[in-house]
ModelCIF file with pLDDT and N, C-alpha, C, O atoms, coordinates in Angstrom:
data_MODEL
#
_entry.id   MODEL 
#
_entity.id                         1 
_entity.type                       polymer 
_entity.pdbx_number_of_molecules   1 
#
_entity_poly.entity_id                      1 
_entity_poly.type                           'polypeptide(L)' 
_entity_poly.nstd_linkage                   no 
_entity_poly.nstd_monomer                   no 
_entity_poly.pdbx_seq_one_letter_code       NARARREAADREIRHLLAYGREFHGDRPYKLDALAQASGMTPSGIR 
_entity_poly.pdbx_seq_one_letter_code_can   NARARREAADREIRHLLAYGREFHGDRPYKLDALAQASGMTPSGIR 
_entity_poly.pdbx_strand_id                 A 
#
loop_
_entity_poly_seq.entity_id 
_entity_poly_seq.num 
_entity_poly_seq.mon_id 
_entity_poly_seq.hetero 
1 1  ASN n 
1 2  ALA n 
1 3  ARG n 
1 4  ALA n 
1 5  ARG n 
1 6  ARG n 
1 7  GLU n 
1 8  ALA n 
1 9  ALA n 
1 10 ASP n 
1 11 ARG n 
1 12 GLU n 
1 13 ILE n 
1 14 ARG n 
1 15 HIS n 
1 16 LEU n 
1 17 LEU n 
1 18 ALA n 
1 19 TYR n 
1 20 GLY n 
1 21 ARG n 
1 22 GLU n 
1 23 PHE n 
1 24 HIS n 
1 25 GLY n 
1 26 ASP n 
1 27 ARG n 
1 28 PRO n 
1 29 TYR n 
1 30 LYS n 
1 31 LEU n 
1 32 ASP n 
1 33 ALA n 
1 34 LEU n 
1 35 ALA n 
1 36 GLN n 
1 37 ALA n 
1 38 SER n 
1 39 GLY n 
1 40 MET n 
1 41 THR n 
1 42 PRO n 
1 43 SER n 
1 44 GLY n 
1 45 ILE n 
1 46 ARG n 
#
_struct_asym.id          A 
_struct_asym.entity_id   1 
#
loop_
_ma_qa_metric.id 
_ma_qa_metric.mode 
_ma_qa_metric.name 
_ma_qa_metric.software_group_id 
_ma_qa_metric.type 
1 global pLDDT . pLDDT 
2 local  pLDDT . pLDDT 
#
_ma_qa_metric_global.metric_id      1 
_ma_qa_metric_global.metric_value   94.80 
_ma_qa_metric_global.model_id       1 
_ma_qa_metric_global.ordinal_id     1 
#
loop_
_ma_qa_metric_local.label_asym_id 
_ma_qa_metric_local.label_comp_id 
_ma_qa_metric_local.label_seq_id 
_ma_qa_metric_local.metric_id 
_ma_qa_metric_local.metric_value 
_ma_qa_metric_local.model_id 
_ma_qa_metric_local.ordinal_id 
A ASN 1  2 94.00 1 1  
A ALA 2  2 96.00 1 2  
A ARG 3  2 98.00 1 3  
A ALA 4  2 97.00 1 4  
A ARG 5  2 97.00 1 5  
A ARG 6  2 97.00 1 6  
A GLU 7  2 98.00 1 7  
A ALA 8  2 98.00 1 8  
A ALA 9  2 97.00 1 9  
A ASP 10 2 97.00 1 10 
A ARG 11 2 97.00 1 11 
A GLU 12 2 98.00 1 12 
A ILE 13 2 97.00 1 13 
A ARG 14 2 97.00 1 14 
A HIS 15 2 97.00 1 15 
A LEU 16 2 97.00 1 16 
A LEU 17 2 97.00 1 17 
A ALA 18 2 96.00 1 18 
A TYR 19 2 96.00 1 19 
A GLY 20 2 96.00 1 20 
A ARG 21 2 95.00 1 21 
A GLU 22 2 94.00 1 22 
A PHE 23 2 94.00 1 23 
A HIS 24 2 87.00 1 24 
A GLY 25 2 80.00 1 25 
A ASP 26 2 79.00 1 26 
A ARG 27 2 86.00 1 27 
A PRO 28 2 90.00 1 28 
A TYR 29 2 94.00 1 29 
A LYS 30 2 95.00 1 30 
A LEU 31 2 95.00 1 31 
A ASP 32 2 96.00 1 32 
A ALA 33 2 97.00 1 33 
A LEU 34 2 97.00 1 34 
A ALA 35 2 97.00 1 35 
A GLN 36 2 97.00 1 36 
A ALA 37 2 97.00 1 37 
A SER 38 2 97.00 1 38 
A GLY 39 2 96.00 1 39 
A MET 40 2 96.00 1 40 
A THR 41 2 96.00 1 41 
A PRO 42 2 95.00 1 42 
A SER 43 2 94.00 1 43 
A GLY 44 2 95.00 1 44 
A ILE 45 2 95.00 1 45 
A ARG 46 2 90.00 1 46 
#
loop_
_atom_site.group_PDB 
_atom_site.id 
_atom_site.type_symbol 
_atom_site.label_atom_id 
_atom_site.label_alt_id 
_atom_site.label_comp_id 
_atom_site.label_asym_id 
_atom_site.label_entity_id 
_atom_site.label_seq_id 
_atom_site.pdbx_PDB_ins_code 
_atom_site.Cartn_x 
_atom_site.Cartn_y 
_atom_site.Cartn_z 
_atom_site.occupancy 
_atom_site.B_iso_or_equiv 
_atom_site.pdbx_formal_charge 
_atom_site.auth_seq_id 
_atom_site.auth_comp_id 
_atom_site.auth_asym_id 
_atom_site.auth_atom_id 
_atom_site.pdbx_PDB_model_num 
ATOM 1   N N  . ASN A 1 1  ? -181.850 -220.715 -201.221 1.00 94.00 ? 1  ASN A N  1 
ATOM 2   C CA . ASN A 1 1  ? -181.625 -221.628 -200.103 1.00 94.00 ? 1  ASN A CA 1 
ATOM 3   C C  . ASN A 1 1  ? -182.145 -221.039 -198.794 1.00 94.00 ? 1  ASN A C  1 
ATOM 4   O O  . ASN A 1 1  ? -182.748 -221.745 -197.986 1.00 94.00 ? 1  ASN A O  1 
ATOM 5   N N  . ALA A 1 2  ? -181.909 -219.739 -198.588 1.00 96.00 ? 2  ALA A N  1 
ATOM 6   C CA . ALA A 1 2  ? -182.400 -219.070 -197.372 1.00 96.00 ? 2  ALA A CA 1 
ATOM 7   C C  . ALA A 1 2  ? -183.928 -219.082 -197.340 1.00 96.00 ? 2  ALA A C  1 
ATOM 8   O O  . ALA A 1 2  ? -184.535 -219.308 -196.293 1.00 96.00 ? 2  ALA A O  1 
ATOM 9   N N  . ARG A 1 3  ? -184.526 -218.841 -198.471 1.00 98.00 ? 3  ARG A N  1 
ATOM 10  C CA . ARG A 1 3  ? -185.991 -218.881 -198.562 1.00 98.00 ? 3  ARG A CA 1 
ATOM 11  C C  . ARG A 1 3  ? -186.522 -220.275 -198.216 1.00 98.00 ? 3  ARG A C  1 
ATOM 12  O O  . ARG A 1 3  ? -187.514 -220.402 -197.497 1.00 98.00 ? 3  ARG A O  1 
ATOM 13  N N  . ALA A 1 4  ? -185.868 -221.311 -198.723 1.00 97.00 ? 4  ALA A N  1 
ATOM 14  C CA . ALA A 1 4  ? -186.290 -222.686 -198.423 1.00 97.00 ? 4  ALA A CA 1 
ATOM 15  C C  . ALA A 1 4  ? -186.167 -222.976 -196.931 1.00 97.00 ? 4  ALA A C  1 
ATOM 16  O O  . ALA A 1 4  ? -187.030 -223.634 -196.350 1.00 97.00 ? 4  ALA A O  1 
ATOM 17  N N  . ARG A 1 5  ? -185.083 -222.478 -196.304 1.00 97.00 ? 5  ARG A N  1 
ATOM 18  C CA . ARG A 1 5  ? -184.925 -222.672 -194.849 1.00 97.00 ? 5  ARG A CA 1 
ATOM 19  C C  . ARG A 1 5  ? -186.017 -221.934 -194.086 1.00 97.00 ? 5  ARG A C  1 
ATOM 20  O O  . ARG A 1 5  ? -186.546 -222.452 -193.102 1.00 97.00 ? 5  ARG A O  1 
ATOM 21  N N  . ARG A 1 6  ? -186.360 -220.710 -194.539 1.00 97.00 ? 6  ARG A N  1 
ATOM 22  C CA . ARG A 1 6  ? -187.423 -219.942 -193.882 1.00 97.00 ? 6  ARG A CA 1 
ATOM 23  C C  . ARG A 1 6  ? -188.760 -220.661 -194.019 1.00 97.00 ? 6  ARG A C  1 
ATOM 24  O O  . ARG A 1 6  ? -189.514 -220.752 -193.051 1.00 97.00 ? 6  ARG A O  1 
ATOM 25  N N  . GLU A 1 7  ? -189.060 -221.170 -195.204 1.00 98.00 ? 7  GLU A N  1 
ATOM 26  C CA . GLU A 1 7  ? -190.323 -221.888 -195.405 1.00 98.00 ? 7  GLU A CA 1 
ATOM 27  C C  . GLU A 1 7  ? -190.383 -223.143 -194.549 1.00 98.00 ? 7  GLU A C  1 
ATOM 28  O O  . GLU A 1 7  ? -191.438 -223.483 -194.012 1.00 98.00 ? 7  GLU A O  1 
ATOM 29  N N  . ALA A 1 8  ? -189.251 -223.833 -194.420 1.00 98.00 ? 8  ALA A N  1 
ATOM 30  C CA . ALA A 1 8  ? -189.209 -225.026 -193.565 1.00 98.00 ? 8  ALA A CA 1 
ATOM 31  C C  . ALA A 1 8  ? -189.420 -224.644 -192.104 1.00 98.00 ? 8  ALA A C  1 
ATOM 32  O O  . ALA A 1 8  ? -190.115 -225.351 -191.375 1.00 98.00 ? 8  ALA A O  1 
ATOM 33  N N  . ALA A 1 9  ? -188.826 -223.529 -191.671 1.00 97.00 ? 9  ALA A N  1 
ATOM 34  C CA . ALA A 1 9  ? -189.012 -223.070 -190.292 1.00 97.00 ? 9  ALA A CA 1 
ATOM 35  C C  . ALA A 1 9  ? -190.461 -222.668 -190.050 1.00 97.00 ? 9  ALA A C  1 
ATOM 36  O O  . ALA A 1 9  ? -191.020 -222.981 -188.998 1.00 97.00 ? 9  ALA A O  1 
ATOM 37  N N  . ASP A 1 10 ? -191.075 -221.982 -191.002 1.00 97.00 ? 10 ASP A N  1 
ATOM 38  C CA . ASP A 1 10 ? -192.489 -221.599 -190.874 1.00 97.00 ? 10 ASP A CA 1 
ATOM 39  C C  . ASP A 1 10 ? -193.378 -222.831 -190.787 1.00 97.00 ? 10 ASP A C  1 
ATOM 40  O O  . ASP A 1 10 ? -194.322 -222.864 -189.997 1.00 97.00 ? 10 ASP A O  1 
ATOM 41  N N  . ARG A 1 11 ? -193.082 -223.836 -191.591 1.00 97.00 ? 11 ARG A N  1 
ATOM 42  C CA . ARG A 1 11 ? -193.851 -225.085 -191.570 1.00 97.00 ? 11 ARG A CA 1 
ATOM 43  C C  . ARG A 1 11 ? -193.701 -225.774 -190.210 1.00 97.00 ? 11 ARG A C  1 
ATOM 44  O O  . ARG A 1 11 ? -194.677 -226.265 -189.644 1.00 97.00 ? 11 ARG A O  1 
ATOM 45  N N  . GLU A 1 12 ? -192.481 -225.803 -189.700 1.00 98.00 ? 12 GLU A N  1 
ATOM 46  C CA . GLU A 1 12 ? -192.232 -226.406 -188.384 1.00 98.00 ? 12 GLU A CA 1 
ATOM 47  C C  . GLU A 1 12 ? -193.008 -225.672 -187.297 1.00 98.00 ? 12 GLU A C  1 
ATOM 48  O O  . GLU A 1 12 ? -193.585 -226.306 -186.414 1.00 98.00 ? 12 GLU A O  1 
ATOM 49  N N  . ILE A 1 13 ? -193.030 -224.348 -187.352 1.00 97.00 ? 13 ILE A N  1 
ATOM 50  C CA . ILE A 1 13 ? -193.783 -223.557 -186.372 1.00 97.00 ? 13 ILE A CA 1 
ATOM 51  C C  . ILE A 1 13 ? -195.266 -223.900 -186.446 1.00 97.00 ? 13 ILE A C  1 
ATOM 52  O O  . ILE A 1 13 ? -195.906 -224.088 -185.411 1.00 97.00 ? 13 ILE A O  1 
ATOM 53  N N  . ARG A 1 14 ? -195.820 -223.983 -187.650 1.00 97.00 ? 14 ARG A N  1 
ATOM 54  C CA . ARG A 1 14 ? -197.241 -224.340 -187.779 1.00 97.00 ? 14 ARG A CA 1 
ATOM 55  C C  . ARG A 1 14 ? -197.521 -225.717 -187.194 1.00 97.00 ? 14 ARG A C  1 
ATOM 56  O O  . ARG A 1 14 ? -198.542 -225.911 -186.533 1.00 97.00 ? 14 ARG A O  1 
ATOM 57  N N  . HIS A 1 15 ? -196.631 -226.672 -187.428 1.00 97.00 ? 15 HIS A N  1 
ATOM 58  C CA . HIS A 1 15 ? -196.820 -228.022 -186.882 1.00 97.00 ? 15 HIS A CA 1 
ATOM 59  C C  . HIS A 1 15 ? -196.726 -228.021 -185.363 1.00 97.00 ? 15 HIS A C  1 
ATOM 60  O O  . HIS A 1 15 ? -197.504 -228.701 -184.694 1.00 97.00 ? 15 HIS A O  1 
ATOM 61  N N  . LEU A 1 16 ? -195.787 -227.268 -184.818 1.00 97.00 ? 16 LEU A N  1 
ATOM 62  C CA . LEU A 1 16 ? -195.662 -227.197 -183.364 1.00 97.00 ? 16 LEU A CA 1 
ATOM 63  C C  . LEU A 1 16 ? -196.868 -226.507 -182.735 1.00 97.00 ? 16 LEU A C  1 
ATOM 64  O O  . LEU A 1 16 ? -197.329 -226.911 -181.668 1.00 97.00 ? 16 LEU A O  1 
ATOM 65  N N  . LEU A 1 17 ? -197.379 -225.472 -183.389 1.00 97.00 ? 17 LEU A N  1 
ATOM 66  C CA . LEU A 1 17 ? -198.585 -224.809 -182.878 1.00 97.00 ? 17 LEU A CA 1 
ATOM 67  C C  . LEU A 1 17 ? -199.778 -225.757 -182.902 1.00 97.00 ? 17 LEU A C  1 
ATOM 68  O O  . LEU A 1 17 ? -200.552 -225.820 -181.946 1.00 97.00 ? 17 LEU A O  1 
ATOM 69  N N  . ALA A 1 18 ? -199.920 -226.488 -183.994 1.00 96.00 ? 18 ALA A N  1 
ATOM 70  C CA . ALA A 1 18 ? -201.010 -227.465 -184.082 1.00 96.00 ? 18 ALA A CA 1 
ATOM 71  C C  . ALA A 1 18 ? -200.882 -228.490 -182.964 1.00 96.00 ? 18 ALA A C  1 
ATOM 72  O O  . ALA A 1 18 ? -201.873 -228.856 -182.331 1.00 96.00 ? 18 ALA A O  1 
ATOM 73  N N  . TYR A 1 19 ? -199.675 -228.946 -182.728 1.00 96.00 ? 19 TYR A N  1 
ATOM 74  C CA . TYR A 1 19 ? -199.463 -229.916 -181.655 1.00 96.00 ? 19 TYR A CA 1 
ATOM 75  C C  . TYR A 1 19 ? -199.858 -229.317 -180.297 1.00 96.00 ? 19 TYR A C  1 
ATOM 76  O O  . TYR A 1 19 ? -200.592 -229.937 -179.527 1.00 96.00 ? 19 TYR A O  1 
ATOM 77  N N  . GLY A 1 20 ? -199.375 -228.135 -180.021 1.00 96.00 ? 20 GLY A N  1 
ATOM 78  C CA . GLY A 1 20 ? -199.645 -227.498 -178.726 1.00 96.00 ? 20 GLY A CA 1 
ATOM 79  C C  . GLY A 1 20 ? -201.110 -227.230 -178.472 1.00 96.00 ? 20 GLY A C  1 
ATOM 80  O O  . GLY A 1 20 ? -201.562 -227.282 -177.328 1.00 96.00 ? 20 GLY A O  1 
ATOM 81  N N  . ARG A 1 21 ? -201.855 -226.947 -179.516 1.00 95.00 ? 21 ARG A N  1 
ATOM 82  C CA . ARG A 1 21 ? -203.282 -226.635 -179.360 1.00 95.00 ? 21 ARG A CA 1 
ATOM 83  C C  . ARG A 1 21 ? -204.183 -227.856 -179.510 1.00 95.00 ? 21 ARG A C  1 
ATOM 84  O O  . ARG A 1 21 ? -205.208 -227.944 -178.834 1.00 95.00 ? 21 ARG A O  1 
ATOM 85  N N  . GLU A 1 22 ? -203.832 -228.784 -180.366 1.00 94.00 ? 22 GLU A N  1 
ATOM 86  C CA . GLU A 1 22 ? -204.746 -229.870 -180.723 1.00 94.00 ? 22 GLU A CA 1 
ATOM 87  C C  . GLU A 1 22 ? -204.405 -231.230 -180.116 1.00 94.00 ? 22 GLU A C  1 
ATOM 88  O O  . GLU A 1 22 ? -205.260 -232.116 -180.089 1.00 94.00 ? 22 GLU A O  1 
ATOM 89  N N  . PHE A 1 23 ? -203.194 -231.415 -179.635 1.00 94.00 ? 23 PHE A N  1 
ATOM 90  C CA . PHE A 1 23 ? -202.769 -232.745 -179.203 1.00 94.00 ? 23 PHE A CA 1 
ATOM 91  C C  . PHE A 1 23 ? -202.293 -232.775 -177.755 1.00 94.00 ? 23 PHE A C  1 
ATOM 92  O O  . PHE A 1 23 ? -201.648 -233.738 -177.340 1.00 94.00 ? 23 PHE A O  1 
ATOM 93  N N  . HIS A 1 24 ? -202.590 -231.769 -177.005 1.00 87.00 ? 24 HIS A N  1 
ATOM 94  C CA . HIS A 1 24 ? -202.001 -231.671 -175.672 1.00 87.00 ? 24 HIS A CA 1 
ATOM 95  C C  . HIS A 1 24 ? -203.016 -231.910 -174.563 1.00 87.00 ? 24 HIS A C  1 
ATOM 96  O O  . HIS A 1 24 ? -202.973 -231.247 -173.527 1.00 87.00 ? 24 HIS A O  1 
ATOM 97  N N  . GLY A 1 25 ? -203.913 -232.840 -174.774 1.00 80.00 ? 25 GLY A N  1 
ATOM 98  C CA . GLY A 1 25 ? -204.830 -233.286 -173.724 1.00 80.00 ? 25 GLY A CA 1 
ATOM 99  C C  . GLY A 1 25 ? -205.829 -232.246 -173.283 1.00 80.00 ? 25 GLY A C  1 
ATOM 100 O O  . GLY A 1 25 ? -206.238 -231.375 -174.050 1.00 80.00 ? 25 GLY A O  1 
ATOM 101 N N  . ASP A 1 26 ? -206.213 -232.360 -172.019 1.00 79.00 ? 26 ASP A N  1 
ATOM 102 C CA . ASP A 1 26 ? -207.245 -231.478 -171.464 1.00 79.00 ? 26 ASP A CA 1 
ATOM 103 C C  . ASP A 1 26 ? -206.762 -230.048 -171.270 1.00 79.00 ? 26 ASP A C  1 
ATOM 104 O O  . ASP A 1 26 ? -207.568 -229.141 -171.065 1.00 79.00 ? 26 ASP A O  1 
ATOM 105 N N  . ARG A 1 27 ? -205.470 -229.846 -171.333 1.00 86.00 ? 27 ARG A N  1 
ATOM 106 C CA . ARG A 1 27 ? -204.931 -228.518 -171.088 1.00 86.00 ? 27 ARG A CA 1 
ATOM 107 C C  . ARG A 1 27 ? -204.038 -228.087 -172.246 1.00 86.00 ? 27 ARG A C  1 
ATOM 108 O O  . ARG A 1 27 ? -202.813 -228.116 -172.128 1.00 86.00 ? 27 ARG A O  1 
ATOM 109 N N  . PRO A 1 28 ? -204.641 -227.689 -173.363 1.00 90.00 ? 28 PRO A N  1 
ATOM 110 C CA . PRO A 1 28 ? -203.804 -227.225 -174.477 1.00 90.00 ? 28 PRO A CA 1 
ATOM 111 C C  . PRO A 1 28 ? -203.030 -225.980 -174.052 1.00 90.00 ? 28 PRO A C  1 
ATOM 112 O O  . PRO A 1 28 ? -203.437 -225.253 -173.146 1.00 90.00 ? 28 PRO A O  1 
ATOM 113 N N  . TYR A 1 29 ? -201.927 -225.758 -174.716 1.00 94.00 ? 29 TYR A N  1 
ATOM 114 C CA . TYR A 1 29 ? -201.148 -224.563 -174.405 1.00 94.00 ? 29 TYR A CA 1 
ATOM 115 C C  . TYR A 1 29 ? -202.003 -223.326 -174.626 1.00 94.00 ? 29 TYR A C  1 
ATOM 116 O O  . TYR A 1 29 ? -202.819 -223.275 -175.547 1.00 94.00 ? 29 TYR A O  1 
ATOM 117 N N  . LYS A 1 30 ? -201.808 -222.338 -173.777 1.00 95.00 ? 30 LYS A N  1 
ATOM 118 C CA . LYS A 1 30 ? -202.562 -221.090 -173.887 1.00 95.00 ? 30 LYS A CA 1 
ATOM 119 C C  . LYS A 1 30 ? -202.049 -220.277 -175.073 1.00 95.00 ? 30 LYS A C  1 
ATOM 120 O O  . LYS A 1 30 ? -200.867 -220.304 -175.415 1.00 95.00 ? 30 LYS A O  1 
ATOM 121 N N  . LEU A 1 31 ? -202.980 -219.560 -175.683 1.00 95.00 ? 31 LEU A N  1 
ATOM 122 C CA . LEU A 1 31 ? -202.639 -218.756 -176.857 1.00 95.00 ? 31 LEU A CA 1 
ATOM 123 C C  . LEU A 1 31 ? -201.540 -217.749 -176.547 1.00 95.00 ? 31 LEU A C  1 
ATOM 124 O O  . LEU A 1 31 ? -200.640 -217.544 -177.362 1.00 95.00 ? 31 LEU A O  1 
ATOM 125 N N  . ASP A 1 32 ? -201.602 -217.115 -175.372 1.00 96.00 ? 32 ASP A N  1 
ATOM 126 C CA . ASP A 1 32 ? -200.594 -216.103 -175.023 1.00 96.00 ? 32 ASP A CA 1 
ATOM 127 C C  . ASP A 1 32 ? -199.191 -216.697 -174.971 1.00 96.00 ? 32 ASP A C  1 
ATOM 128 O O  . ASP A 1 32 ? -198.243 -216.097 -175.477 1.00 96.00 ? 32 ASP A O  1 
ATOM 129 N N  . ALA A 1 33 ? -199.055 -217.873 -174.361 1.00 97.00 ? 33 ALA A N  1 
ATOM 130 C CA . ALA A 1 33 ? -197.735 -218.500 -174.260 1.00 97.00 ? 33 ALA A CA 1 
ATOM 131 C C  . ALA A 1 33 ? -197.211 -218.886 -175.641 1.00 97.00 ? 33 ALA A C  1 
ATOM 132 O O  . ALA A 1 33 ? -196.041 -218.656 -175.947 1.00 97.00 ? 33 ALA A O  1 
ATOM 133 N N  . LEU A 1 34 ? -198.066 -219.468 -176.470 1.00 97.00 ? 34 LEU A N  1 
ATOM 134 C CA . LEU A 1 34 ? -197.655 -219.852 -177.819 1.00 97.00 ? 34 LEU A CA 1 
ATOM 135 C C  . LEU A 1 34 ? -197.314 -218.621 -178.653 1.00 97.00 ? 34 LEU A C  1 
ATOM 136 O O  . LEU A 1 34 ? -196.363 -218.638 -179.434 1.00 97.00 ? 34 LEU A O  1 
ATOM 137 N N  . ALA A 1 35 ? -198.092 -217.554 -178.486 1.00 97.00 ? 35 ALA A N  1 
ATOM 138 C CA . ALA A 1 35 ? -197.837 -216.323 -179.237 1.00 97.00 ? 35 ALA A CA 1 
ATOM 139 C C  . ALA A 1 35 ? -196.483 -215.736 -178.870 1.00 97.00 ? 35 ALA A C  1 
ATOM 140 O O  . ALA A 1 35 ? -195.714 -215.335 -179.744 1.00 97.00 ? 35 ALA A O  1 
ATOM 141 N N  . GLN A 1 36 ? -196.197 -215.689 -177.579 1.00 97.00 ? 36 GLN A N  1 
ATOM 142 C CA . GLN A 1 36 ? -194.923 -215.131 -177.147 1.00 97.00 ? 36 GLN A CA 1 
ATOM 143 C C  . GLN A 1 36 ? -193.754 -215.969 -177.662 1.00 97.00 ? 36 GLN A C  1 
ATOM 144 O O  . GLN A 1 36 ? -192.761 -215.417 -178.138 1.00 97.00 ? 36 GLN A O  1 
ATOM 145 N N  . ALA A 1 37 ? -193.861 -217.279 -177.573 1.00 97.00 ? 37 ALA A N  1 
ATOM 146 C CA . ALA A 1 37 ? -192.768 -218.153 -178.004 1.00 97.00 ? 37 ALA A CA 1 
ATOM 147 C C  . ALA A 1 37 ? -192.566 -218.129 -179.516 1.00 97.00 ? 37 ALA A C  1 
ATOM 148 O O  . ALA A 1 37 ? -191.440 -218.274 -179.993 1.00 97.00 ? 37 ALA A O  1 
ATOM 149 N N  . SER A 1 38 ? -193.651 -217.946 -180.275 1.00 97.00 ? 38 SER A N  1 
ATOM 150 C CA . SER A 1 38 ? -193.551 -218.001 -181.729 1.00 97.00 ? 38 SER A CA 1 
ATOM 151 C C  . SER A 1 38 ? -193.384 -216.631 -182.385 1.00 97.00 ? 38 SER A C  1 
ATOM 152 O O  . SER A 1 38 ? -193.115 -216.543 -183.583 1.00 97.00 ? 38 SER A O  1 
ATOM 153 N N  . GLY A 1 39 ? -193.542 -215.567 -181.601 1.00 96.00 ? 39 GLY A N  1 
ATOM 154 C CA . GLY A 1 39 ? -193.444 -214.222 -182.171 1.00 96.00 ? 39 GLY A CA 1 
ATOM 155 C C  . GLY A 1 39 ? -194.697 -213.798 -182.908 1.00 96.00 ? 39 GLY A C  1 
ATOM 156 O O  . GLY A 1 39 ? -194.661 -212.898 -183.748 1.00 96.00 ? 39 GLY A O  1 
ATOM 157 N N  . MET A 1 40 ? -195.804 -214.447 -182.592 1.00 96.00 ? 40 MET A N  1 
ATOM 158 C CA . MET A 1 40 ? -197.078 -214.133 -183.233 1.00 96.00 ? 40 MET A CA 1 
ATOM 159 C C  . MET A 1 40 ? -198.008 -213.476 -182.222 1.00 96.00 ? 40 MET A C  1 
ATOM 160 O O  . MET A 1 40 ? -197.666 -213.337 -181.048 1.00 96.00 ? 40 MET A O  1 
ATOM 161 N N  . THR A 1 41 ? -199.172 -213.078 -182.681 1.00 96.00 ? 41 THR A N  1 
ATOM 162 C CA . THR A 1 41 ? -200.206 -212.577 -181.781 1.00 96.00 ? 41 THR A CA 1 
ATOM 163 C C  . THR A 1 41 ? -201.095 -213.747 -181.381 1.00 96.00 ? 41 THR A C  1 
ATOM 164 O O  . THR A 1 41 ? -201.166 -214.747 -182.095 1.00 96.00 ? 41 THR A O  1 
ATOM 165 N N  . PRO A 1 42 ? -201.779 -213.626 -180.235 1.00 95.00 ? 42 PRO A N  1 
ATOM 166 C CA . PRO A 1 42 ? -202.698 -214.706 -179.851 1.00 95.00 ? 42 PRO A CA 1 
ATOM 167 C C  . PRO A 1 42 ? -203.745 -214.993 -180.925 1.00 95.00 ? 42 PRO A C  1 
ATOM 168 O O  . PRO A 1 42 ? -204.060 -216.155 -181.182 1.00 95.00 ? 42 PRO A O  1 
ATOM 169 N N  . SER A 1 43 ? -204.283 -213.959 -181.550 1.00 94.00 ? 43 SER A N  1 
ATOM 170 C CA . SER A 1 43 ? -205.278 -214.207 -182.598 1.00 94.00 ? 43 SER A CA 1 
ATOM 171 C C  . SER A 1 43 ? -204.642 -214.855 -183.818 1.00 94.00 ? 43 SER A C  1 
ATOM 172 O O  . SER A 1 43 ? -205.303 -215.603 -184.538 1.00 94.00 ? 43 SER A O  1 
ATOM 173 N N  . GLY A 1 44 ? -203.362 -214.574 -184.057 1.00 95.00 ? 44 GLY A N  1 
ATOM 174 C CA . GLY A 1 44 ? -202.669 -215.197 -185.179 1.00 95.00 ? 44 GLY A CA 1 
ATOM 175 C C  . GLY A 1 44 ? -202.449 -216.681 -184.983 1.00 95.00 ? 44 GLY A C  1 
ATOM 176 O O  . GLY A 1 44 ? -202.359 -217.431 -185.954 1.00 95.00 ? 44 GLY A O  1 
ATOM 177 N N  . ILE A 1 45 ? -202.360 -217.115 -183.726 1.00 95.00 ? 45 ILE A N  1 
ATOM 178 C CA . ILE A 1 45 ? -202.168 -218.534 -183.432 1.00 95.00 ? 45 ILE A CA 1 
ATOM 179 C C  . ILE A 1 45 ? -203.368 -219.332 -183.940 1.00 95.00 ? 45 ILE A C  1 
ATOM 180 O O  . ILE A 1 45 ? -203.211 -220.421 -184.491 1.00 95.00 ? 45 ILE A O  1 
ATOM 181 N N  . ARG A 1 46 ? -204.550 -218.788 -183.752 1.00 90.00 ? 46 ARG A N  1 
ATOM 182 C CA . ARG A 1 46 ? -205.777 -219.499 -184.146 1.00 90.00 ? 46 ARG A CA 1 
ATOM 183 C C  . ARG A 1 46 ? -205.828 -219.801 -185.639 1.00 90.00 ? 46 ARG A C  1 
ATOM 184 O O  . ARG A 1 46 ? -206.796 -220.393 -186.117 1.00 90.00 ? 46 ARG A O  1 
#
C-alpha cells in the first residue's frame, strides 16, 4: 500500500511538472523553482 501511494505521488509530481513547463503560457516555471519544490535537480526536471 505504501508503495502504491509513493507511485501515485511520483505520478502526480510528473504531471505537475509537465503542467508547469508545458502549459503555463509564455512564462513557464523556471527549472530551479520546480527543482527546489519537487526535491529534484534542474536537469532532472527536463
